[in-house]
Amino acid sequence: MTTEAGLPEVSLRQLEIFAAMMRGATTVEAAERLHISQPAVSATLRQLETQLGLTLFERTGRRLQPTAEAKSLFEEIRPIFSLMQGFSQHARDMKLGMAGRLKVISTPPLGYSVAPVALRRFLDTRPNVSVAFDVRRLEQVREAVQSGQADIGLAIDHDRQDVVNVDVLQRSHMVALVPRDSPLALKPHLTALDLQGEPLVGLELASNLGQLVRKAYEQAGAIYTPRIEVRYCATATALAAQHLGVTVVDPYSATTQASDALVCKPFLPACEVNAVMYTRRGVPYSGLLHSFMSDLRAAFADSEVIRKNWVIDKSVSDIEGRNPK
């Protein structure tokens, strides 16, 4: 069989059998190496010689000796088998989550707190892996995962989603940040009424967390009137650290602006927030994504940030237990 250009058409399988024969001395050895029958090896070699129009092996007793032409051709194809071995190695590494590129997108609270911890853990043991990481608004995170622009999304969310898979990584509560030298810092917890007389750095009402805090204020009979309104909890935390007001934020953002000037207190009425991960519906997880998800869960379980959050959550639970609605 020849190609349209008049060149012999040779298959990779034929080259594999030829190479096995070059590394051995008998067709039996080549067959054992490839886990096929000895007649299959002999037939393939005869077919290859016919296609090439060359004698590749000469029989001397029970052995086949490669001709000069065979030795020359074998040197030509050596790189092919190196490429095939590299291909197989890369495929195995991808299956085990040890190679490839992962696209991660997050909202700011997790993108600036737990996500970097998980990424460090993930990349430290995977030198052949690269990551595309971006921080965006909640709606953009969902859209990126739904469209396949990102493999996984991280967010603070409390709504069920119909367009992406949602897995809860941790349940927590909003916290209040107040100046360390304020009388409010001496209280075991803070309510919306406690914060009523203080300048407030508040979240914009268009955001989910802003609506959550506003409802808590209304439930307590307090008026939600921010002196400064911001989009992100990390911004509110940074402004509070500059003594521009008290604020109520998620516990992850509270840790990104660690400051001796602020004290973090449980906030009541309790506003539950969920740290979640989004994945695309109907798409199997790659080995790389499985590995990152494992490291992500470990980061939530092990980090100091999460241990602090657990203490805050436990305090809220204890307080609510003593003050049932």
Protein backbone atom coordinates (compact mmCIF):
# COMPACT_ATOMS: atom_id res chain seq x y z
CA MET A 1 0.00 0.00 0.00
CA THR A 2 1.32 3.41 -0.93
CA THR A 3 0.19 6.97 -0.37
CA GLU A 4 -0.88 9.31 -3.16
CA ALA A 5 2.65 10.71 -3.23
CA GLY A 6 4.00 7.23 -3.97
CA LEU A 7 5.44 6.70 -0.49
CA PRO A 8 4.81 3.48 1.43
CA GLU A 9 1.99 3.86 3.97
CA VAL A 10 3.28 2.49 7.25
CA SER A 11 1.20 2.21 10.43
CA LEU A 12 2.39 2.88 13.98
CA ARG A 13 1.54 -0.73 14.84
CA GLN A 14 3.90 -1.97 12.12
CA LEU A 15 6.65 0.32 13.42
CA GLU A 16 6.03 -0.90 16.97
CA ILE A 17 6.46 -4.53 15.90
CA PHE A 18 9.53 -3.63 13.84
CA ALA A 19 11.08 -1.83 16.84
CA ALA A 20 10.34 -4.77 19.14
CA MET A 21 12.07 -7.04 16.67
CA MET A 22 15.08 -4.73 16.52
CA ARG A 23 15.39 -4.87 20.30
CA GLY A 24 15.13 -8.67 20.39
CA ALA A 25 16.55 -11.51 18.42
CA THR A 26 13.56 -13.73 17.65
CA THR A 27 9.94 -13.27 16.68
CA VAL A 28 9.01 -15.11 19.87
CA GLU A 29 10.74 -12.47 22.00
CA ALA A 30 9.05 -9.66 20.06
CA ALA A 31 5.66 -11.32 20.46
CA GLU A 32 6.13 -11.71 24.21
CA ARG A 33 7.20 -8.09 24.52
CA LEU A 34 4.04 -6.90 22.74
CA HIS A 35 1.70 -9.56 24.16
CA ILE A 36 0.68 -10.81 20.70
CA SER A 37 1.19 -14.08 18.83
CA GLN A 38 4.42 -15.06 17.09
CA PRO A 39 2.65 -15.58 13.74
CA ALA A 40 1.28 -12.02 13.96
CA VAL A 41 4.83 -10.69 14.33
CA SER A 42 6.11 -12.69 11.36
CA ALA A 43 3.19 -11.68 9.15
CA THR A 44 3.58 -7.98 10.00
CA LEU A 45 7.31 -8.03 9.25
CA ARG A 46 6.72 -9.71 5.86
CA GLN A 47 4.03 -7.12 5.07
CA LEU A 48 6.32 -4.26 6.06
CA GLU A 49 9.14 -5.58 3.86
CA THR A 50 6.72 -5.85 0.94
CA GLN A 51 5.44 -2.29 1.43
CA LEU A 52 8.95 -0.85 1.71
CA GLY A 53 10.48 -3.05 -0.99
CA LEU A 54 13.39 -3.80 1.36
CA THR A 55 14.78 -6.81 3.13
CA LEU A 56 14.83 -5.92 6.83
CA PHE A 57 15.95 -9.19 8.43
CA GLU A 58 18.06 -12.12 7.36
CA ARG A 59 17.61 -15.50 9.04
CA THR A 60 20.70 -17.08 10.59
CA GLY A 61 19.70 -20.28 12.30
CA ARG A 62 16.76 -19.55 14.60
CA ARG A 63 17.48 -15.85 14.77
CA LEU A 64 16.74 -12.90 12.51
CA GLN A 65 19.61 -10.48 11.96
CA PRO A 66 18.69 -6.90 10.99
CA THR A 67 20.11 -5.68 7.72
CA ALA A 68 21.97 -2.40 7.32
CA GLU A 69 18.76 -0.89 5.92
CA ALA A 70 16.80 -2.02 9.02
CA LYS A 71 19.39 -0.48 11.35
CA SER A 72 19.26 2.80 9.48
CA LEU A 73 15.45 2.90 9.54
CA PHE A 74 15.39 2.03 13.23
CA GLU A 75 17.49 5.10 14.02
CA GLU A 76 14.97 7.19 12.08
CA ILE A 77 12.01 6.00 14.14
CA ARG A 78 13.56 6.09 17.61
CA PRO A 79 12.19 9.61 18.30
CA ILE A 80 8.67 8.36 17.52
CA PHE A 81 8.76 5.95 20.43
CA SER A 82 10.14 8.60 22.74
CA LEU A 83 7.15 10.77 21.75
CA MET A 84 4.76 7.87 22.33
CA GLN A 85 6.25 7.21 25.76
CA GLY A 86 5.98 10.89 26.60
CA PHE A 87 2.38 10.90 25.39
CA SER A 88 1.51 7.94 27.60
CA GLN A 89 3.29 9.50 30.57
CA HIS A 90 1.47 12.79 30.09
CA ALA A 91 -1.89 11.02 29.78
CA ARG A 92 -1.22 9.12 33.00
CA ASP A 93 -0.21 12.31 34.80
CA MET A 94 -3.39 14.01 33.61
CA LYS A 95 -5.47 11.08 34.86
CA LEU A 96 -3.76 11.33 38.26
CA GLY A 97 -4.13 15.13 38.35
CA MET A 98 -0.39 15.72 37.99
CA ALA A 99 -0.31 17.58 34.65
CA GLY A 100 -2.36 20.03 32.64
CA ARG A 101 -3.95 23.45 33.14
CA LEU A 102 -6.76 24.28 35.55
CA LYS A 103 -9.02 27.34 35.27
CA VAL A 104 -10.24 28.63 38.65
CA ILE A 105 -12.46 31.65 39.25
CA SER A 106 -13.64 33.03 42.58
CA THR A 107 -15.49 35.87 44.23
CA PRO A 108 -13.26 38.10 46.42
CA PRO A 109 -14.00 36.61 49.88
CA LEU A 110 -12.66 33.15 49.01
CA GLY A 111 -10.36 34.37 46.25
CA TYR A 112 -8.29 36.36 48.72
CA SER A 113 -8.40 33.95 51.67
CA VAL A 114 -8.80 30.18 51.32
CA ALA A 115 -8.23 29.85 47.56
CA PRO A 116 -4.53 30.92 47.73
CA VAL A 117 -3.95 28.36 50.48
CA ALA A 118 -5.49 25.62 48.34
CA LEU A 119 -3.56 26.73 45.25
CA ARG A 120 -0.25 26.64 47.09
CA ARG A 121 -0.97 23.14 48.37
CA PHE A 122 -2.08 22.08 44.88
CA LEU A 123 0.88 23.50 42.93
CA ASP A 124 3.66 22.67 45.38
CA THR A 125 3.48 18.97 44.46
CA ARG A 126 2.62 19.40 40.78
CA PRO A 127 5.45 21.07 38.83
CA ASN A 128 3.81 20.21 35.49
CA VAL A 129 0.53 21.94 36.30
CA SER A 130 -0.40 25.55 35.55
CA VAL A 131 -3.42 27.52 36.75
CA ALA A 132 -5.47 30.38 35.35
CA PHE A 133 -6.91 32.19 38.38
CA ASP A 134 -9.30 35.13 38.35
CA VAL A 135 -11.43 37.01 40.89
CA ARG A 136 -14.80 38.33 39.72
CA ARG A 137 -18.31 39.19 40.87
CA LEU A 138 -20.72 36.40 41.78
CA GLU A 139 -22.73 36.51 38.55
CA GLN A 140 -19.55 36.40 36.47
CA VAL A 141 -18.26 33.41 38.42
CA ARG A 142 -21.45 31.45 37.75
CA GLU A 143 -21.45 32.39 34.07
CA ALA A 144 -17.80 31.39 33.63
CA VAL A 145 -18.42 27.93 35.08
CA GLN A 146 -21.68 27.43 33.18
CA SER A 147 -20.06 28.35 29.84
CA GLY A 148 -16.94 26.25 30.45
CA GLN A 149 -14.60 29.25 30.65
CA ALA A 150 -13.66 28.03 34.15
CA ASP A 151 -13.35 24.50 35.51
CA ILE A 152 -14.41 25.47 39.02
CA GLY A 153 -15.86 28.53 40.73
CA LEU A 154 -15.67 29.53 44.39
CA ALA A 155 -18.15 31.86 46.02
CA ILE A 156 -20.16 32.89 49.04
CA ASP A 157 -23.71 31.95 48.12
CA HIS A 158 -26.92 30.87 49.83
CA ASP A 159 -29.21 30.25 46.86
CA ARG A 160 -29.86 27.04 44.97
CA GLN A 161 -28.64 27.15 41.37
CA ASP A 162 -30.21 25.54 38.33
CA VAL A 163 -27.39 26.26 35.90
CA VAL A 164 -24.36 24.82 37.76
CA ASN A 165 -23.58 22.13 40.31
CA VAL A 166 -23.26 23.60 43.82
CA ASP A 167 -21.36 21.89 46.65
CA VAL A 168 -21.17 23.50 50.09
CA LEU A 169 -17.61 23.59 51.42
CA GLN A 170 -18.41 25.27 54.73
CA ARG A 171 -21.26 26.98 56.53
CA SER A 172 -20.43 30.11 58.48
CA HIS A 173 -21.91 33.43 59.65
CA MET A 174 -21.35 37.11 59.04
CA VAL A 175 -19.26 38.88 61.67
CA ALA A 176 -19.01 42.43 62.99
CA LEU A 177 -15.73 44.31 62.96
CA VAL A 178 -15.31 47.13 65.48
CA PRO A 179 -12.35 49.17 66.76
CA ARG A 180 -10.35 47.41 69.44
CA ASP A 181 -10.54 50.47 71.72
CA SER A 182 -14.34 50.74 71.38
CA PRO A 183 -16.66 49.71 74.25
CA LEU A 184 -18.30 47.42 71.69
CA ALA A 185 -15.13 45.30 71.65
CA LEU A 186 -15.88 44.20 75.23
CA LYS A 187 -19.19 42.60 74.30
CA PRO A 188 -19.28 38.82 73.64
CA HIS A 189 -21.39 39.42 70.54
CA LEU A 190 -22.87 42.38 68.71
CA THR A 191 -26.37 42.99 67.43
CA ALA A 192 -27.65 45.33 64.77
CA LEU A 193 -28.98 47.53 67.58
CA ASP A 194 -25.50 47.69 69.16
CA LEU A 195 -24.13 49.04 65.88
CA GLN A 196 -27.03 51.45 65.33
CA GLY A 197 -25.27 54.51 66.74
CA GLU A 198 -21.93 53.90 64.99
CA PRO A 199 -20.82 55.09 61.53
CA LEU A 200 -21.38 52.08 59.30
CA VAL A 201 -19.35 50.89 56.31
CA GLY A 202 -22.10 48.91 54.61
CA LEU A 203 -22.45 46.63 51.62
CA GLU A 204 -24.42 47.85 48.64
CA LEU A 205 -28.00 46.63 48.66
CA ALA A 206 -27.67 45.28 45.13
CA SER A 207 -25.41 42.54 46.47
CA ASN A 208 -26.61 39.32 48.08
CA LEU A 209 -24.64 39.92 51.26
CA GLY A 210 -25.85 43.51 51.43
CA GLN A 211 -29.45 42.29 51.33
CA LEU A 212 -28.66 39.70 53.99
CA VAL A 213 -27.31 42.31 56.42
CA ARG A 214 -30.16 44.72 55.71
CA LYS A 215 -32.72 42.01 56.54
CA ALA A 216 -30.88 41.31 59.80
CA TYR A 217 -31.07 44.99 60.70
CA GLU A 218 -34.79 45.07 59.93
CA GLN A 219 -35.36 41.91 61.94
CA ALA A 220 -33.69 43.54 64.95
CA GLY A 221 -35.66 46.77 64.51
CA ALA A 222 -32.57 48.74 63.46
CA ILE A 223 -32.18 51.01 60.45
CA TYR A 224 -29.57 50.05 57.86
CA THR A 225 -28.06 53.38 56.81
CA PRO A 226 -24.41 53.02 55.74
CA ARG A 227 -22.31 56.15 55.94
CA ILE A 228 -20.05 54.58 53.34
CA GLU A 229 -21.44 52.01 50.88
CA VAL A 230 -19.08 49.58 49.17
CA ARG A 231 -19.39 46.63 46.80
CA TYR A 232 -16.99 44.16 48.41
CA CYS A 233 -16.56 42.90 51.97
CA ALA A 234 -12.77 43.18 51.63
CA THR A 235 -13.20 46.90 50.90
CA ALA A 236 -15.45 47.32 53.93
CA THR A 237 -12.85 45.59 56.09
CA ALA A 238 -10.04 47.78 54.80
CA LEU A 239 -12.04 50.95 55.50
CA ALA A 240 -12.99 49.76 58.96
CA ALA A 241 -9.30 49.20 59.69
CA GLN A 242 -8.79 52.90 58.90
CA HIS A 243 -11.39 53.86 61.55
CA LEU A 244 -13.99 54.92 59.00
CA GLY A 245 -16.73 52.96 60.72
CA VAL A 246 -17.86 49.57 61.96
CA THR A 247 -18.89 46.93 59.45
CA VAL A 248 -20.56 43.53 59.04
CA VAL A 249 -18.79 41.21 56.61
CA ASP A 250 -18.24 37.55 55.85
CA PRO A 251 -15.61 35.85 58.07
CA TYR A 252 -13.26 35.16 55.15
CA SER A 253 -12.99 38.82 54.17
CA ALA A 254 -12.56 39.67 57.85
CA THR A 255 -9.29 37.71 57.88
CA THR A 256 -7.83 39.20 54.70
CA GLN A 257 -7.30 42.57 56.37
CA ALA A 258 -5.95 41.33 59.68
CA SER A 259 -5.32 44.36 61.85
CA ASP A 260 -4.59 45.05 65.50
CA ALA A 261 -7.04 47.94 65.19
CA LEU A 262 -10.08 45.66 64.76
CA VAL A 263 -11.91 43.07 66.84
CA CYS A 264 -14.06 40.42 65.20
CA LYS A 265 -17.32 39.58 66.99
CA PRO A 266 -20.27 37.24 66.26
CA PHE A 267 -23.12 39.25 64.72
CA LEU A 268 -26.79 38.83 65.60
CA PRO A 269 -29.34 38.21 64.20
CA ALA A 270 -27.18 35.46 62.71
CA CYS A 271 -26.66 35.72 58.95
CA GLU A 272 -25.59 32.34 57.59
CA VAL A 273 -23.29 32.32 54.60
CA ASN A 274 -22.10 29.28 52.67
CA ALA A 275 -18.72 28.85 51.04
CA VAL A 276 -19.51 26.87 47.90
CA MET A 277 -17.86 25.55 44.78
CA TYR A 278 -19.52 25.56 41.36
CA THR A 279 -18.84 22.99 38.66
CA ARG A 280 -20.33 22.62 35.21
CA ARG A 281 -23.36 20.40 34.85
CA GLY A 282 -23.10 17.28 32.71
CA VAL A 283 -19.30 17.44 32.42
CA PRO A 284 -17.16 14.71 34.08
CA TYR A 285 -14.45 15.93 36.45
CA SER A 286 -10.90 15.67 35.15
CA GLY A 287 -8.18 14.13 37.29
CA LEU A 288 -6.75 17.61 37.69
CA LEU A 289 -10.05 18.99 38.99
CA HIS A 290 -10.49 16.06 41.38
CA SER A 291 -7.04 16.78 42.81
CA PHE A 292 -7.72 20.49 43.27
CA MET A 293 -11.08 19.81 44.91
CA SER A 294 -9.33 17.51 47.38
CA ASP A 295 -6.73 20.17 48.20
CA LEU A 296 -9.46 22.79 48.46
CA ARG A 297 -11.36 20.76 51.06
CA ALA A 298 -8.11 20.18 52.95
CA ALA A 299 -7.39 23.92 52.93
CA PHE A 300 -10.81 24.62 54.45
CA ALA A 301 -10.27 21.93 57.07
CA ASP A 302 -6.73 22.88 58.05
CA SER A 303 -6.29 26.61 57.71
CA GLU A 304 -6.18 28.96 60.68
CA VAL A 305 -8.84 31.05 58.96
CA ILE A 306 -11.33 28.22 59.18
CA ARG A 307 -10.54 27.36 62.79
CA LYS A 308 -11.30 30.98 63.68
CA ASN A 309 -14.53 30.76 61.72
CA TRP A 310 -15.51 27.64 63.64
CA VAL A 311 -15.07 29.48 66.92
CA ILE A 312 -17.24 32.31 65.60
CA ASP A 313 -19.92 29.88 64.41
CA LYS A 314 -19.89 28.01 67.70
CA SER A 315 -20.28 31.27 69.58
CA VAL A 316 -23.28 32.19 67.44
CA SER A 317 -24.82 28.76 68.02
CA ASP A 318 -24.31 29.04 71.78
CA ILE A 319 -25.79 32.55 71.82
CA GLU A 320 -28.83 31.50 69.79
CA GLY A 321 -29.26 28.50 72.09
CA ARG A 322 -29.45 30.79 75.08
CA ASN A 323 -31.73 33.24 73.28
CA PRO A 324 -34.25 31.19 71.35
CA LYS A 325 -36.52 33.08 68.99
